[in-house]
Each structure stands twice: as structure tokens, then as C-alpha cells.
Amino acid sequence: MKCPYCKADDTAVIDSRLSEDGDSVRRRRECEACHKRFTTYERVELHMPMVVKTNGHRVPYDREKIRTGFMRALHKRPVPAEYLEAAIIRTEQRVIGLGEREVASRVIGELVMRELRKMDDVAYIRFASVYEDFQRVDDFHDAILQVRKPQKKRVR
């Protein structure tokens, strides 16, 4: 690490600590040449994959689009904000866990539906109706029957 004061290459770490949020390491360093001290932070750098839309276009992953999808489905539903945040984080972790440079938008939509199904039946049906492009009342009926099947774990 170069010294920000004199640009010397030789610096020594004199203290390392995990940050309060646990997402980074704070390091106090001292320059071997000028003896000035400075702080650096080490964080994990995640590269989200490109999203391949159904029309073949590639767009950067956008967390806000995921949030918007959840928010629209959960509008006026009794689901705490922390559940929403946890669902977004789990969705992102699954996308990263795929280990791919590109992920089909369809895969992300399926992950969002899986999270909504665990959180709220009505939100799940709302999202599914748009995502699956329901055209008939029977489409809603079939989705409701799917929701009624027993699940392993429900959030409430």
C-alpha cells in the first residue's frame, strides 16, 4: 500500500480490526519513510452478473429493480421491512451463488417468486400474475391451488 503523503511503497500495518458492521477490515498503517499514519479499509468486491433479458439484451444487475418488484407485490401487505430486506439479500446471494457471468432474467424472477411465496400468499399471486402473464381466471385459480399446497416453512 502506498503512503498517501509521500507515496512511498513501504508501509506497515500497526493495527487491524473488524468494522462494526462486520463487512470490512479497518487497518491502521504507518509509512516506513515519513512515519505518518493513515487508515485503510478492506472490503469484499462482488461483481454481479449481467442480466440477460428475454429479448436477448444484456443489462447490468440492478438491486433497485429487484426491490421494486418486491415492493409492488407487497404493496399494502403486512410484511415487515426487515423481511423484505432479508429476501432481497437472499435473492442476491443465490444469484451470486450461481457463479455465472450472465444470468437470465427468468432465473431472477423465479428466485423472487420463491421468496414471495414464503412471505405472503397474496404478494406471491400478484407477482406471479404479472410475471407469468396470466391471461385467464383459470391461471389465477391454478396459482392459488399451488399456494395451498403445504410448504416447509412460512414467514409470519
Protein backbone atom coordinates (compact mmCIF):
# COMPACT_ATOMS: atom_id res chain seq x y z
CA MET A 1 0.00 0.00 0.00
CA LYS A 2 1.44 3.37 -0.99
CA CYS A 3 1.63 6.15 1.57
CA PRO A 4 -0.93 8.86 0.70
CA TYR A 5 1.50 11.53 1.97
CA CYS A 6 4.90 10.73 0.45
CA LYS A 7 3.90 7.95 -2.00
CA ALA A 8 6.48 5.54 -0.57
CA ASP A 9 5.76 1.84 -1.16
CA ASP A 10 6.78 0.60 2.29
CA THR A 11 4.04 0.81 4.90
CA ALA A 12 3.45 -1.35 7.95
CA VAL A 13 0.15 -2.47 9.44
CA ILE A 14 0.14 -1.47 13.10
CA ASP A 15 -3.45 -2.45 13.96
CA SER A 16 -6.29 -4.43 12.29
CA ARG A 17 -9.89 -4.58 13.42
CA LEU A 18 -13.16 -5.86 12.04
CA SER A 19 -15.54 -2.97 11.37
CA GLU A 20 -18.74 -2.62 13.42
CA ASP A 21 -20.92 -3.97 10.60
CA GLY A 22 -18.54 -6.89 10.01
CA ASP A 23 -18.31 -6.14 6.29
CA SER A 24 -14.80 -4.73 6.25
CA VAL A 25 -11.45 -4.75 7.99
CA ARG A 26 -10.06 -1.46 9.27
CA ARG A 27 -6.26 -1.23 9.21
CA ARG A 28 -4.05 1.45 10.75
CA ARG A 29 -0.83 1.78 8.80
CA GLU A 30 2.40 3.67 9.26
CA CYS A 31 4.71 4.77 6.46
CA GLU A 32 8.24 3.46 6.89
CA ALA A 33 9.65 6.55 5.14
CA CYS A 34 7.78 9.56 6.60
CA HIS A 35 6.29 7.81 9.70
CA LYS A 36 2.82 9.29 9.12
CA ARG A 37 -0.18 7.12 9.94
CA PHE A 38 -3.31 6.50 7.89
CA THR A 39 -6.30 4.17 7.83
CA THR A 40 -7.33 1.77 5.08
CA TYR A 41 -10.42 -0.43 4.73
CA GLU A 42 -10.54 -3.83 3.10
CA ARG A 43 -13.90 -4.95 1.67
CA VAL A 44 -15.10 -7.79 -0.47
CA GLU A 45 -15.75 -6.67 -4.01
CA LEU A 46 -18.64 -8.53 -5.59
CA HIS A 47 -19.28 -8.45 -9.28
CA MET A 48 -22.90 -9.09 -10.02
CA PRO A 49 -23.58 -10.91 -13.28
CA MET A 50 -25.14 -9.30 -16.31
CA VAL A 51 -28.85 -9.98 -16.68
CA VAL A 52 -29.97 -11.44 -19.99
CA LYS A 53 -33.50 -10.24 -20.77
CA THR A 54 -35.97 -12.39 -22.69
CA ASN A 55 -35.31 -10.32 -25.83
CA GLY A 56 -31.59 -11.12 -25.61
CA HIS A 57 -30.45 -7.71 -24.38
CA ARG A 58 -27.90 -7.68 -21.59
CA VAL A 59 -28.21 -5.18 -18.77
CA PRO A 60 -26.29 -4.72 -15.53
CA TYR A 61 -27.82 -6.30 -12.43
CA ASP A 62 -29.87 -3.65 -10.63
CA ARG A 63 -30.80 -4.20 -7.00
CA GLU A 64 -33.44 -1.48 -7.21
CA LYS A 65 -35.35 -3.41 -9.88
CA ILE A 66 -35.49 -6.38 -7.51
CA ARG A 67 -36.66 -4.11 -4.69
CA THR A 68 -39.32 -2.56 -6.92
CA GLY A 69 -40.67 -5.99 -7.88
CA PHE A 70 -40.92 -7.00 -4.23
CA MET A 71 -42.47 -3.65 -3.23
CA ARG A 72 -45.16 -3.80 -5.90
CA ALA A 73 -46.12 -7.33 -4.91
CA LEU A 74 -46.08 -6.49 -1.19
CA HIS A 75 -47.98 -3.18 -1.52
CA LYS A 76 -50.31 -2.84 1.50
CA ARG A 77 -49.41 -6.30 2.75
CA PRO A 78 -48.49 -6.95 6.42
CA VAL A 79 -44.87 -7.86 5.82
CA PRO A 80 -42.18 -6.11 7.91
CA ALA A 81 -39.45 -4.16 6.11
CA GLU A 82 -36.74 -6.39 7.60
CA TYR A 83 -38.34 -9.42 5.89
CA LEU A 84 -38.18 -7.56 2.59
CA GLU A 85 -34.50 -6.69 3.07
CA ALA A 86 -33.66 -10.26 4.05
CA ALA A 87 -35.46 -11.57 0.95
CA ILE A 88 -33.54 -9.19 -1.31
CA ILE A 89 -30.25 -10.26 0.27
CA ARG A 90 -31.12 -13.97 -0.10
CA THR A 91 -32.05 -13.40 -3.74
CA GLU A 92 -28.75 -11.64 -4.43
CA GLN A 93 -26.80 -14.35 -2.62
CA ARG A 94 -28.45 -17.01 -4.77
CA VAL A 95 -27.67 -15.05 -7.94
CA ILE A 96 -24.02 -14.72 -6.86
CA GLY A 97 -24.00 -18.38 -5.82
CA LEU A 98 -24.80 -19.42 -9.37
CA GLY A 99 -21.26 -18.38 -10.22
CA GLU A 100 -22.22 -17.23 -13.69
CA ARG A 101 -21.17 -14.09 -15.54
CA GLU A 102 -24.65 -13.84 -17.05
CA VAL A 103 -27.99 -14.84 -15.57
CA ALA A 104 -31.32 -14.99 -17.38
CA SER A 105 -33.92 -12.55 -16.06
CA ARG A 106 -36.23 -15.55 -15.85
CA VAL A 107 -33.98 -17.15 -13.21
CA ILE A 108 -34.06 -13.98 -11.10
CA GLY A 109 -37.84 -13.80 -11.42
CA GLU A 110 -38.13 -17.39 -10.20
CA LEU A 111 -35.96 -16.57 -7.20
CA VAL A 112 -38.14 -13.57 -6.36
CA MET A 113 -41.29 -15.69 -6.66
CA ARG A 114 -39.79 -18.29 -4.32
CA GLU A 115 -39.11 -15.61 -1.70
CA LEU A 116 -42.59 -14.07 -2.07
CA ARG A 117 -44.25 -17.44 -1.72
CA LYS A 118 -42.54 -17.88 1.66
CA MET A 119 -43.55 -14.39 2.82
CA ASP A 120 -47.10 -13.74 1.69
CA ASP A 121 -49.59 -15.67 -0.47
CA VAL A 122 -51.29 -12.57 -1.88
CA ALA A 123 -47.97 -10.95 -2.82
CA TYR A 124 -46.90 -14.19 -4.48
CA ILE A 125 -50.09 -14.33 -6.58
CA ARG A 126 -49.73 -10.64 -7.52
CA PHE A 127 -46.16 -11.12 -8.70
CA ALA A 128 -46.89 -14.42 -10.43
CA SER A 129 -49.85 -12.94 -12.30
CA VAL A 130 -47.64 -10.32 -13.92
CA TYR A 131 -44.50 -12.43 -14.20
CA GLU A 132 -46.28 -15.46 -15.67
CA ASP A 133 -48.55 -13.18 -17.75
CA PHE A 134 -51.85 -14.62 -16.53
CA GLN A 135 -54.49 -14.28 -19.26
CA ARG A 136 -57.44 -16.20 -17.80
CA VAL A 137 -59.15 -16.61 -14.46
CA ASP A 138 -58.07 -20.24 -14.55
CA ASP A 139 -54.44 -19.06 -14.40
CA PHE A 140 -55.18 -17.41 -11.05
CA HIS A 141 -57.09 -20.46 -9.89
CA ASP A 142 -54.18 -22.76 -10.71
CA ALA A 143 -51.72 -20.46 -8.92
CA ILE A 144 -53.95 -20.34 -5.83
CA LEU A 145 -54.12 -24.13 -5.78
CA GLN A 146 -50.30 -24.20 -5.91
CA VAL A 147 -50.12 -21.83 -2.92
CA ARG A 148 -52.47 -24.04 -0.93
CA LYS A 149 -50.07 -26.98 -1.20
CA PRO A 150 -48.19 -27.39 2.09
CA GLN A 151 -44.86 -25.64 2.36
CA LYS A 152 -41.87 -26.46 4.54
CA LYS A 153 -41.54 -23.04 6.16
CA ARG A 154 -43.68 -19.92 6.27
CA VAL A 155 -42.68 -16.48 7.49
CA ARG A 156 -45.22 -14.76 9.77
